[in-house]
Amino acid sequence: MEEQHPKQSATSRTDLAMAKFVEAGIARQETHGRADAAAYLTENGVNFNVVVRVLAEPDRRRVTDALPPAPAATS
């Protein structure tokens, strides 16, 4: 039997791994510039329309897009 999930709102993310890439890309834009952030997001499979939206239109970011990225794992 398939598990039922509550309907997601327009501002929520269902793919947490992709959300982390997006958050890291936004942070990368602040430190390395928009072109580098766009390349990072594209290399990690983020849809082109999402790349444009989160980097060029910050007022259209989802709630999780505005969160700082999770700290990097240390060795």
PDB file of N, CA and C in Angstrom:
ATOM      1  N   MET A   1       0.833  -1.177   0.000  1.00  0.00           N
ATOM      2  CA  MET A   1       0.000   0.000   0.000  1.00  0.00           C
ATOM      3  C   MET A   1       0.880   1.243   0.000  1.00  0.00           C
ATOM      4  N   GLU A   2       0.568   2.189  -0.851  1.00  0.00           N
ATOM      5  CA  GLU A   2       1.338   3.406  -0.975  1.00  0.00           C
ATOM      6  C   GLU A   2       1.018   4.373   0.151  1.00  0.00           C
ATOM      7  N   GLU A   3       2.055   4.986   0.719  1.00  0.00           N
ATOM      8  CA  GLU A   3       1.859   5.958   1.787  1.00  0.00           C
ATOM      9  C   GLU A   3       1.310   7.260   1.216  1.00  0.00           C
ATOM     10  N   GLN A   4       0.347   7.833   1.875  1.00  0.00           N
ATOM     11  CA  GLN A   4      -0.240   9.102   1.449  1.00  0.00           C
ATOM     12  C   GLN A   4       0.539  10.254   2.066  1.00  0.00           C
ATOM     13  N   HIS A   5       0.840  11.250   1.265  1.00  0.00           N
ATOM     14  CA  HIS A   5       1.542  12.436   1.752  1.00  0.00           C
ATOM     15  C   HIS A   5       0.598  13.620   1.697  1.00  0.00           C
ATOM     16  N   PRO A   6       0.671  14.493   2.691  1.00  0.00           N
ATOM     17  CA  PRO A   6      -0.164  15.691   2.619  1.00  0.00           C
ATOM     18  C   PRO A   6       0.247  16.534   1.423  1.00  0.00           C
ATOM     19  N   LYS A   7      -0.683  17.259   0.870  1.00  0.00           N
ATOM     20  CA  LYS A   7      -0.413  18.116  -0.280  1.00  0.00           C
ATOM     21  C   LYS A   7       0.612  19.171   0.111  1.00  0.00           C
ATOM     22  N   GLN A   8       1.615  19.343  -0.737  1.00  0.00           N
ATOM     23  CA  GLN A   8       2.652  20.332  -0.484  1.00  0.00           C
ATOM     24  C   GLN A   8       2.166  21.714  -0.897  1.00  0.00           C
ATOM     25  N   SER A   9       2.530  22.720  -0.126  1.00  0.00           N
ATOM     26  CA  SER A   9       2.165  24.078  -0.508  1.00  0.00           C
ATOM     27  C   SER A   9       3.097  24.557  -1.610  1.00  0.00           C
ATOM     28  N   ALA A  10       2.740  25.632  -2.256  1.00  0.00           N
ATOM     29  CA  ALA A  10       3.538  26.176  -3.356  1.00  0.00           C
ATOM     30  C   ALA A  10       4.901  26.651  -2.878  1.00  0.00           C
ATOM     31  N   THR A  11       5.051  26.890  -1.587  1.00  0.00           N
ATOM     32  CA  THR A  11       6.321  27.397  -1.080  1.00  0.00           C
ATOM     33  C   THR A  11       7.173  26.322  -0.427  1.00  0.00           C
ATOM     34  N   SER A  12       6.738  25.063  -0.445  1.00  0.00           N
ATOM     35  CA  SER A  12       7.521  24.017   0.203  1.00  0.00           C
ATOM     36  C   SER A  12       8.298  23.210  -0.823  1.00  0.00           C
ATOM     37  N   ARG A  13       9.350  22.566  -0.359  1.00  0.00           N
ATOM     38  CA  ARG A  13      10.174  21.715  -1.216  1.00  0.00           C
ATOM     39  C   ARG A  13       9.940  20.266  -0.859  1.00  0.00           C
ATOM     40  N   THR A  14       9.854  19.422  -1.878  1.00  0.00           N
ATOM     41  CA  THR A  14       9.710  17.990  -1.637  1.00  0.00           C
ATOM     42  C   THR A  14      11.042  17.271  -1.782  1.00  0.00           C
ATOM     43  N   ASP A  15      12.020  17.860  -2.412  1.00  0.00           N
ATOM     44  CA  ASP A  15      13.321  17.243  -2.653  1.00  0.00           C
ATOM     45  C   ASP A  15      14.369  17.950  -1.794  1.00  0.00           C
ATOM     46  N   LEU A  16      14.649  17.388  -0.628  1.00  0.00           N
ATOM     47  CA  LEU A  16      15.558  18.044   0.311  1.00  0.00           C
ATOM     48  C   LEU A  16      16.982  18.118  -0.218  1.00  0.00           C
ATOM     49  N   ALA A  17      17.415  17.126  -0.962  1.00  0.00           N
ATOM     50  CA  ALA A  17      18.770  17.164  -1.521  1.00  0.00           C
ATOM     51  C   ALA A  17      18.906  18.336  -2.498  1.00  0.00           C
ATOM     52  N   MET A  18      17.901  18.519  -3.361  1.00  0.00           N
ATOM     53  CA  MET A  18      17.947  19.625  -4.307  1.00  0.00           C
ATOM     54  C   MET A  18      17.872  20.958  -3.566  1.00  0.00           C
ATOM     55  N   ALA A  19      17.083  21.010  -2.492  1.00  0.00           N
ATOM     56  CA  ALA A  19      16.977  22.228  -1.691  1.00  0.00           C
ATOM     57  C   ALA A  19      18.339  22.624  -1.133  1.00  0.00           C
ATOM     58  N   LYS A  20      19.119  21.633  -0.711  1.00  0.00           N
ATOM     59  CA  LYS A  20      20.456  21.929  -0.180  1.00  0.00           C
ATOM     60  C   LYS A  20      21.370  22.494  -1.266  1.00  0.00           C
ATOM     61  N   PHE A  21      21.277  21.959  -2.491  1.00  0.00           N
ATOM     62  CA  PHE A  21      22.064  22.513  -3.591  1.00  0.00           C
ATOM     63  C   PHE A  21      21.658  23.960  -3.856  1.00  0.00           C
ATOM     64  N   VAL A  22      20.349  24.211  -3.851  1.00  0.00           N
ATOM     65  CA  VAL A  22      19.861  25.570  -4.111  1.00  0.00           C
ATOM     66  C   VAL A  22      20.351  26.520  -3.023  1.00  0.00           C
ATOM     67  N   GLU A  23      20.250  26.119  -1.771  1.00  0.00           N
ATOM     68  CA  GLU A  23      20.711  26.959  -0.670  1.00  0.00           C
ATOM     69  C   GLU A  23      22.210  27.236  -0.776  1.00  0.00           C
ATOM     70  N   ALA A  24      22.976  26.195  -1.124  1.00  0.00           N
ATOM     71  CA  ALA A  24      24.423  26.367  -1.283  1.00  0.00           C
ATOM     72  C   ALA A  24      24.725  27.283  -2.473  1.00  0.00           C
ATOM     73  N   GLY A  25      23.946  27.169  -3.536  1.00  0.00           N
ATOM     74  CA  GLY A  25      24.137  28.031  -4.699  1.00  0.00           C
ATOM     75  C   GLY A  25      23.878  29.489  -4.379  1.00  0.00           C
ATOM     76  N   ILE A  26      22.852  29.740  -3.581  1.00  0.00           N
ATOM     77  CA  ILE A  26      22.545  31.118  -3.174  1.00  0.00           C
ATOM     78  C   ILE A  26      23.693  31.678  -2.343  1.00  0.00           C
ATOM     79  N   ALA A  27      24.206  30.883  -1.413  1.00  0.00           N
ATOM     80  CA  ALA A  27      25.345  31.322  -0.603  1.00  0.00           C
ATOM     81  C   ALA A  27      26.576  31.540  -1.477  1.00  0.00           C
ATOM     82  N   ARG A  28      26.745  30.671  -2.453  1.00  0.00           N
ATOM     83  CA  ARG A  28      27.892  30.779  -3.359  1.00  0.00           C
ATOM     84  C   ARG A  28      27.826  32.067  -4.181  1.00  0.00           C
ATOM     85  N   GLN A  29      26.620  32.492  -4.543  1.00  0.00           N
ATOM     86  CA  GLN A  29      26.459  33.745  -5.282  1.00  0.00           C
ATOM     87  C   GLN A  29      27.016  34.912  -4.469  1.00  0.00           C
ATOM     88  N   GLU A  30      26.806  34.877  -3.170  1.00  0.00           N
ATOM     89  CA  GLU A  30      27.293  35.957  -2.304  1.00  0.00           C
ATOM     90  C   GLU A  30      28.819  36.002  -2.232  1.00  0.00           C
ATOM     91  N   THR A  31      29.464  34.833  -2.293  1.00  0.00           N
ATOM     92  CA  THR A  31      30.913  34.778  -2.128  1.00  0.00           C
ATOM     93  C   THR A  31      31.694  34.693  -3.436  1.00  0.00           C
ATOM     94  N   HIS A  32      31.104  34.066  -4.472  1.00  0.00           N
ATOM     95  CA  HIS A  32      31.830  33.823  -5.718  1.00  0.00           C
ATOM     96  C   HIS A  32      31.200  34.478  -6.946  1.00  0.00           C
ATOM     97  N   GLY A  33      30.025  35.069  -6.776  1.00  0.00           N
ATOM     98  CA  GLY A  33      29.374  35.725  -7.906  1.00  0.00           C
ATOM     99  C   GLY A  33      28.307  34.866  -8.559  1.00  0.00           C
ATOM    100  N   ARG A  34      27.478  35.525  -9.340  1.00  0.00           N
ATOM    101  CA  ARG A  34      26.327  34.868  -9.962  1.00  0.00           C
ATOM    102  C   ARG A  34      26.728  33.798 -10.974  1.00  0.00           C
ATOM    103  N   ALA A  35      27.732  34.067 -11.801  1.00  0.00           N
ATOM    104  CA  ALA A  35      28.127  33.091 -12.830  1.00  0.00           C
ATOM    105  C   ALA A  35      28.610  31.796 -12.195  1.00  0.00           C
ATOM    106  N   ASP A  36      29.428  31.899 -11.152  1.00  0.00           N
ATOM    107  CA  ASP A  36      29.921  30.716 -10.464  1.00  0.00           C
ATOM    108  C   ASP A  36      28.774  29.956  -9.812  1.00  0.00           C
ATOM    109  N   ALA A  37      27.856  30.679  -9.182  1.00  0.00           N
ATOM    110  CA  ALA A  37      26.704  30.043  -8.544  1.00  0.00           C
ATOM    111  C   ALA A  37      25.831  29.334  -9.573  1.00  0.00           C
ATOM    112  N   ALA A  38      25.615  29.966 -10.713  1.00  0.00           N
ATOM    113  CA  ALA A  38      24.810  29.353 -11.772  1.00  0.00           C
ATOM    114  C   ALA A  38      25.475  28.080 -12.280  1.00  0.00           C
ATOM    115  N   ALA A  39      26.785  28.112 -12.459  1.00  0.00           N
ATOM    116  CA  ALA A  39      27.513  26.920 -12.914  1.00  0.00           C
ATOM    117  C   ALA A  39      27.398  25.805 -11.880  1.00  0.00           C
ATOM    118  N   TYR A  40      27.560  26.139 -10.603  1.00  0.00           N
ATOM    119  CA  TYR A  40      27.443  25.152  -9.524  1.00  0.00           C
ATOM    120  C   TYR A  40      26.058  24.502  -9.527  1.00  0.00           C
ATOM    121  N   LEU A  41      25.022  25.321  -9.618  1.00  0.00           N
ATOM    122  CA  LEU A  41      23.657  24.800  -9.601  1.00  0.00           C
ATOM    123  C   LEU A  41      23.392  23.918 -10.820  1.00  0.00           C
ATOM    124  N   THR A  42      23.826  24.360 -11.988  1.00  0.00           N
ATOM    125  CA  THR A  42      23.625  23.590 -13.213  1.00  0.00           C
ATOM    126  C   THR A  42      24.354  22.253 -13.141  1.00  0.00           C
ATOM    127  N   GLU A  43      25.603  22.272 -12.664  1.00  0.00           N
ATOM    128  CA  GLU A  43      26.387  21.041 -12.534  1.00  0.00           C
ATOM    129  C   GLU A  43      25.732  20.049 -11.574  1.00  0.00           C
ATOM    130  N   ASN A  44      24.926  20.549 -10.650  1.00  0.00           N
ATOM    131  CA  ASN A  44      24.273  19.685  -9.675  1.00  0.00           C
ATOM    132  C   ASN A  44      22.828  19.376 -10.033  1.00  0.00           C
ATOM    133  N   GLY A  45      22.463  19.626 -11.290  1.00  0.00           N
ATOM    134  CA  GLY A  45      21.168  19.186 -11.794  1.00  0.00           C
ATOM    135  C   GLY A  45      19.982  20.067 -11.478  1.00  0.00           C
ATOM    136  N   VAL A  46      20.241  21.292 -11.040  1.00  0.00           N
ATOM    137  CA  VAL A  46      19.130  22.199 -10.765  1.00  0.00           C
ATOM    138  C   VAL A  46      18.585  22.719 -12.092  1.00  0.00           C
ATOM    139  N   ASN A  47      17.282  22.665 -12.234  1.00  0.00           N
ATOM    140  CA  ASN A  47      16.608  23.111 -13.455  1.00  0.00           C
ATOM    141  C   ASN A  47      16.968  24.558 -13.773  1.00  0.00           C
ATOM    142  N   PHE A  48      17.182  24.855 -15.069  1.00  0.00           N
ATOM    143  CA  PHE A  48      17.570  26.195 -15.502  1.00  0.00           C
ATOM    144  C   PHE A  48      16.606  27.271 -14.987  1.00  0.00           C
ATOM    145  N   ASN A  49      15.306  27.009 -15.061  1.00  0.00           N
ATOM    146  CA  ASN A  49      14.331  28.007 -14.603  1.00  0.00           C
ATOM    147  C   ASN A  49      14.464  28.276 -13.110  1.00  0.00           C
ATOM    148  N   VAL A  50      14.811  27.263 -12.342  1.00  0.00           N
ATOM    149  CA  VAL A  50      15.021  27.434 -10.909  1.00  0.00           C
ATOM    150  C   VAL A  50      16.287  28.249 -10.669  1.00  0.00           C
ATOM    151  N   VAL A  51      17.347  27.955 -11.417  1.00  0.00           N
ATOM    152  CA  VAL A  51      18.601  28.704 -11.295  1.00  0.00           C
ATOM    153  C   VAL A  51      18.333  30.189 -11.507  1.00  0.00           C
ATOM    154  N   VAL A  52      17.634  30.514 -12.575  1.00  0.00           N
ATOM    155  CA  VAL A  52      17.329  31.920 -12.876  1.00  0.00           C
ATOM    156  C   VAL A  52      16.500  32.525 -11.751  1.00  0.00           C
ATOM    157  N   ARG A  53      15.477  31.796 -11.311  1.00  0.00           N
ATOM    158  CA  ARG A  53      14.579  32.338 -10.287  1.00  0.00           C
ATOM    159  C   ARG A  53      15.313  32.637  -8.990  1.00  0.00           C
ATOM    160  N   VAL A  54      16.110  31.697  -8.503  1.00  0.00           N
ATOM    161  CA  VAL A  54      16.726  31.904  -7.189  1.00  0.00           C
ATOM    162  C   VAL A  54      17.894  32.884  -7.224  1.00  0.00           C
ATOM    163  N   LEU A  55      18.588  32.975  -8.354  1.00  0.00           N
ATOM    164  CA  LEU A  55      19.738  33.877  -8.413  1.00  0.00           C
ATOM    165  C   LEU A  55      19.373  35.282  -8.861  1.00  0.00           C
ATOM    166  N   ALA A  56      18.427  35.405  -9.771  1.00  0.00           N
ATOM    167  CA  ALA A  56      18.117  36.724 -10.337  1.00  0.00           C
ATOM    168  C   ALA A  56      16.860  37.362  -9.758  1.00  0.00           C
ATOM    169  N   GLU A  57      16.029  36.562  -9.107  1.00  0.00           N
ATOM    170  CA  GLU A  57      14.762  37.086  -8.587  1.00  0.00           C
ATOM    171  C   GLU A  57      14.581  36.668  -7.128  1.00  0.00           C
ATOM    172  N   PRO A  58      15.378  37.239  -6.222  1.00  0.00           N
ATOM    173  CA  PRO A  58      15.331  36.799  -4.824  1.00  0.00           C
ATOM    174  C   PRO A  58      13.956  36.955  -4.164  1.00  0.00           C
ATOM    175  N   ASP A  59      13.147  37.874  -4.644  1.00  0.00           N
ATOM    176  CA  ASP A  59      11.818  38.040  -4.056  1.00  0.00           C
ATOM    177  C   ASP A  59      10.884  36.885  -4.415  1.00  0.00           C
ATOM    178  N   ARG A  60      11.290  36.029  -5.362  1.00  0.00           N
ATOM    179  CA  ARG A  60      10.479  34.873  -5.759  1.00  0.00           C
ATOM    180  C   ARG A  60      10.998  33.565  -5.165  1.00  0.00           C
ATOM    181  N   ARG A  61      11.988  33.654  -4.273  1.00  0.00           N
ATOM    182  CA  ARG A  61      12.523  32.446  -3.658  1.00  0.00           C
ATOM    183  C   ARG A  61      11.499  31.824  -2.722  1.00  0.00           C
ATOM    184  N   ARG A  62      11.544  30.523  -2.627  1.00  0.00           N
ATOM    185  CA  ARG A  62      10.720  29.803  -1.662  1.00  0.00           C
ATOM    186  C   ARG A  62      11.291  30.042  -0.277  1.00  0.00           C
ATOM    187  N   VAL A  63      10.521  29.728   0.735  1.00  0.00           N
ATOM    188  CA  VAL A  63      10.979  29.933   2.108  1.00  0.00           C
ATOM    189  C   VAL A  63      12.307  29.235   2.350  1.00  0.00           C
ATOM    190  N   THR A  64      12.450  27.987   1.933  1.00  0.00           N
ATOM    191  CA  THR A  64      13.697  27.266   2.177  1.00  0.00           C
ATOM    192  C   THR A  64      14.849  27.789   1.337  1.00  0.00           C
ATOM    193  N   ASP A  65      14.558  28.475   0.211  1.00  0.00           N
ATOM    194  CA  ASP A  65      15.630  29.039  -0.607  1.00  0.00           C
ATOM    195  C   ASP A  65      16.372  30.143   0.135  1.00  0.00           C
ATOM    196  N   ALA A  66      15.732  30.760   1.101  1.00  0.00           N
ATOM    197  CA  ALA A  66      16.337  31.875   1.816  1.00  0.00           C
ATOM    198  C   ALA A  66      17.116  31.420   3.050  1.00  0.00           C
ATOM    199  N   LEU A  67      17.048  30.140   3.383  1.00  0.00           N
ATOM    200  CA  LEU A  67      17.760  29.637   4.545  1.00  0.00           C
ATOM    201  C   LEU A  67      19.226  29.487   4.235  1.00  0.00           C
ATOM    202  N   PRO A  68      20.094  29.686   5.231  1.00  0.00           N
ATOM    203  CA  PRO A  68      21.515  29.453   4.980  1.00  0.00           C
ATOM    204  C   PRO A  68      21.779  27.973   4.770  1.00  0.00           C
ATOM    205  N   PRO A  69      22.805  27.616   3.984  1.00  0.00           N
ATOM    206  CA  PRO A  69      23.091  26.205   3.746  1.00  0.00           C
ATOM    207  C   PRO A  69      23.562  25.515   5.027  1.00  0.00           C
ATOM    208  N   ALA A  70      23.376  24.215   5.071  1.00  0.00           N
ATOM    209  CA  ALA A  70      23.853  23.430   6.204  1.00  0.00           C
ATOM    210  C   ALA A  70      25.376  23.478   6.237  1.00  0.00           C
ATOM    211  N   PRO A  71      25.975  23.430   7.412  1.00  0.00           N
ATOM    212  CA  PRO A  71      27.438  23.460   7.480  1.00  0.00           C
ATOM    213  C   PRO A  71      28.037  22.262   6.774  1.00  0.00           C
ATOM    214  N   ALA A  72      29.188  22.464   6.166  1.00  0.00           N
ATOM    215  CA  ALA A  72      29.883  21.385   5.453  1.00  0.00           C
ATOM    216  C   ALA A  72      30.403  20.368   6.457  1.00  0.00           C
ATOM    217  N   ALA A  73      30.423  19.121   6.040  1.00  0.00           N
ATOM    218  CA  ALA A  73      30.959  18.062   6.888  1.00  0.00           C
ATOM    219  C   ALA A  73      32.449  18.244   7.054  1.00  0.00           C
ATOM    220  N   THR A  74      32.956  17.987   8.230  1.00  0.00           N
ATOM    221  CA  THR A  74      34.397  18.094   8.472  1.00  0.00           C
ATOM    222  C   THR A  74      34.995  16.706   8.539  1.00  0.00           C
ATOM    223  N   SER A  75      36.277  16.610   8.159  1.00  0.00           N
ATOM    224  CA  SER A  75      36.925  15.297   8.175  1.00  0.00           C
ATOM    225  C   SER A  75      37.608  15.025   9.468  1.00  0.00           C
TER     226      SER A  75
END
